Amino acid sequence: MQKTKKTLIQVFVTIVSAVGLFFAFSAASNNQVNVQAASWQKVAESNLSKQDIAARRWISFHESTNRYHARNGVCYGKFQLSISYLHGDYSKKNQELTANRYVASRYGSWTNAKSFWQAHHWY
């Protein structure tokens, strides 16, 4: 009986340790993905004013809650761009840089794009 109890405790400790390692690895992997996404965001924002950075982040939050894989009809990604603008490349890098080109050509600045969004609930 004592041996069975000891064996059960060892099995339990092993399982708990394995689960803990799994979650630690998952957290580390998620942090790496977040760092990569943040680095592309930083590159895309490098030439913007503080006001435009704030407007850009406001739009991405309101469009997709900052999710790169969000989809709504023919719109995709963090900025809910038409998939035709992305040309089949749904990477974080392409979404970040394509959003800048789209906003610059259509509105001139992210601040102007935000003002339009607030008036129309799309941009």
Protein backbone atom coordinates (compact mmCIF):
# COMPACT_ATOMS: atom_id res chain seq x y z
CA MET A 1 0.00 0.00 0.00
CA GLN A 2 2.80 2.41 0.94
CA LYS A 3 4.64 1.60 -2.31
CA THR A 4 1.50 2.29 -4.39
CA LYS A 5 0.99 5.64 -2.65
CA LYS A 6 4.62 6.61 -3.28
CA THR A 7 4.33 5.62 -6.96
CA LEU A 8 1.14 7.68 -7.38
CA ILE A 9 2.84 10.71 -5.86
CA GLN A 10 5.80 10.31 -8.22
CA VAL A 11 3.46 10.07 -11.22
CA PHE A 12 1.56 13.14 -10.06
CA VAL A 13 4.77 15.16 -9.60
CA THR A 14 5.98 14.08 -13.05
CA ILE A 15 2.71 15.15 -14.70
CA VAL A 16 2.65 18.50 -12.91
CA SER A 17 6.26 19.14 -13.93
CA ALA A 18 5.52 18.26 -17.57
CA VAL A 19 2.49 20.56 -17.64
CA GLY A 20 4.55 23.36 -16.09
CA LEU A 21 7.27 22.95 -18.73
CA PHE A 22 4.64 22.96 -21.50
CA PHE A 23 3.17 26.24 -20.28
CA ALA A 24 6.60 27.80 -19.81
CA PHE A 25 7.55 26.85 -23.38
CA SER A 26 4.24 28.16 -24.73
CA ALA A 27 4.69 31.47 -22.93
CA ALA A 28 8.23 31.82 -24.29
CA SER A 29 7.03 31.08 -27.83
CA ASN A 30 4.20 33.60 -27.54
CA ASN A 31 6.60 36.24 -26.26
CA GLN A 32 8.88 35.65 -29.25
CA VAL A 33 5.94 36.07 -31.66
CA ASN A 34 4.89 39.26 -29.84
CA VAL A 35 8.45 40.61 -30.05
CA GLN A 36 8.54 39.94 -33.81
CA ALA A 37 5.19 41.67 -34.30
CA ALA A 38 6.27 44.58 -32.13
CA SER A 39 9.49 44.97 -34.12
CA TRP A 40 7.57 45.30 -37.42
CA GLN A 41 5.21 47.73 -35.76
CA LYS A 42 8.22 49.73 -34.57
CA VAL A 43 9.70 49.77 -38.10
CA ALA A 44 6.37 50.89 -39.57
CA GLU A 45 6.05 53.66 -36.99
CA SER A 46 9.65 54.86 -37.16
CA ASN A 47 8.94 57.88 -39.41
CA LEU A 48 5.60 58.87 -37.88
CA SER A 49 4.80 61.64 -35.43
CA LYS A 50 3.60 60.75 -31.93
CA GLN A 51 0.13 61.89 -32.95
CA ASP A 52 0.14 59.62 -36.02
CA ILE A 53 1.45 56.67 -34.00
CA ALA A 54 -1.40 57.13 -31.53
CA ALA A 55 -3.95 57.38 -34.36
CA ARG A 56 -2.48 54.28 -36.07
CA ARG A 57 -2.71 52.25 -32.88
CA TRP A 58 -6.23 53.52 -32.23
CA ILE A 59 -7.35 52.38 -35.70
CA SER A 60 -5.72 48.95 -35.43
CA PHE A 61 -7.38 48.39 -32.07
CA HIS A 62 -10.81 49.45 -33.33
CA GLU A 63 -10.48 47.44 -36.54
CA SER A 64 -9.21 44.14 -35.13
CA THR A 65 -8.19 44.55 -31.48
CA ASN A 66 -4.64 44.35 -32.90
CA ARG A 67 -5.07 40.80 -34.25
CA TYR A 68 -3.08 40.03 -37.38
CA HIS A 69 -5.38 37.13 -38.31
CA ALA A 70 -8.74 38.90 -37.89
CA ARG A 71 -11.06 38.51 -40.86
CA ASN A 72 -14.27 40.28 -41.84
CA GLY A 73 -15.51 39.48 -45.33
CA VAL A 74 -12.84 40.58 -47.79
CA CYS A 75 -10.92 42.52 -45.16
CA TYR A 76 -8.06 40.90 -43.30
CA GLY A 77 -5.58 41.49 -40.53
CA LYS A 78 -4.65 44.05 -37.96
CA PHE A 79 -5.80 47.01 -40.07
CA GLN A 80 -8.65 45.20 -41.86
CA LEU A 81 -7.23 45.95 -45.28
CA SER A 82 -8.86 44.55 -48.40
CA ILE A 83 -7.10 41.28 -49.18
CA SER A 84 -6.40 42.65 -52.67
CA TYR A 85 -4.02 45.21 -51.11
CA LEU A 86 -2.02 42.45 -49.43
CA HIS A 87 -1.40 40.53 -52.70
CA GLY A 88 -1.50 37.14 -50.96
CA ASP A 89 1.13 38.10 -48.38
CA TYR A 90 -0.60 38.13 -44.98
CA SER A 91 2.62 38.49 -42.97
CA LYS A 92 2.87 40.97 -40.12
CA LYS A 93 5.53 42.88 -42.04
CA ASN A 94 3.34 43.27 -45.13
CA GLN A 95 0.28 44.27 -43.09
CA GLU A 96 2.21 46.94 -41.19
CA LEU A 97 3.87 48.45 -44.26
CA THR A 98 0.86 48.14 -46.58
CA ALA A 99 -1.32 49.93 -44.02
CA ASN A 100 1.12 52.85 -44.04
CA ARG A 101 1.06 53.06 -47.85
CA TYR A 102 -2.75 52.82 -47.95
CA VAL A 103 -3.25 55.55 -45.35
CA ALA A 104 -0.62 57.85 -46.88
CA SER A 105 -2.18 57.59 -50.35
CA ARG A 106 -5.82 57.88 -49.24
CA TYR A 107 -5.72 60.22 -46.22
CA GLY A 108 -2.24 61.73 -46.11
CA SER A 109 -1.75 60.83 -42.44
CA TRP A 110 -2.95 58.44 -39.77
CA THR A 111 -4.44 61.39 -37.88
CA ASN A 112 -6.62 62.21 -40.90
CA ALA A 113 -7.54 58.53 -41.25
CA LYS A 114 -8.62 58.41 -37.61
CA SER A 115 -10.80 61.51 -38.06
CA PHE A 116 -12.44 59.88 -41.07
CA TRP A 117 -12.93 56.63 -39.11
CA GLN A 118 -14.57 58.48 -36.24
CA ALA A 119 -17.03 60.13 -38.64
CA HIS A 120 -17.81 57.02 -40.73
CA HIS A 121 -16.77 53.98 -38.61
CA TRP A 122 -14.50 52.73 -41.38
CA TYR A 123 -11.47 54.05 -43.20
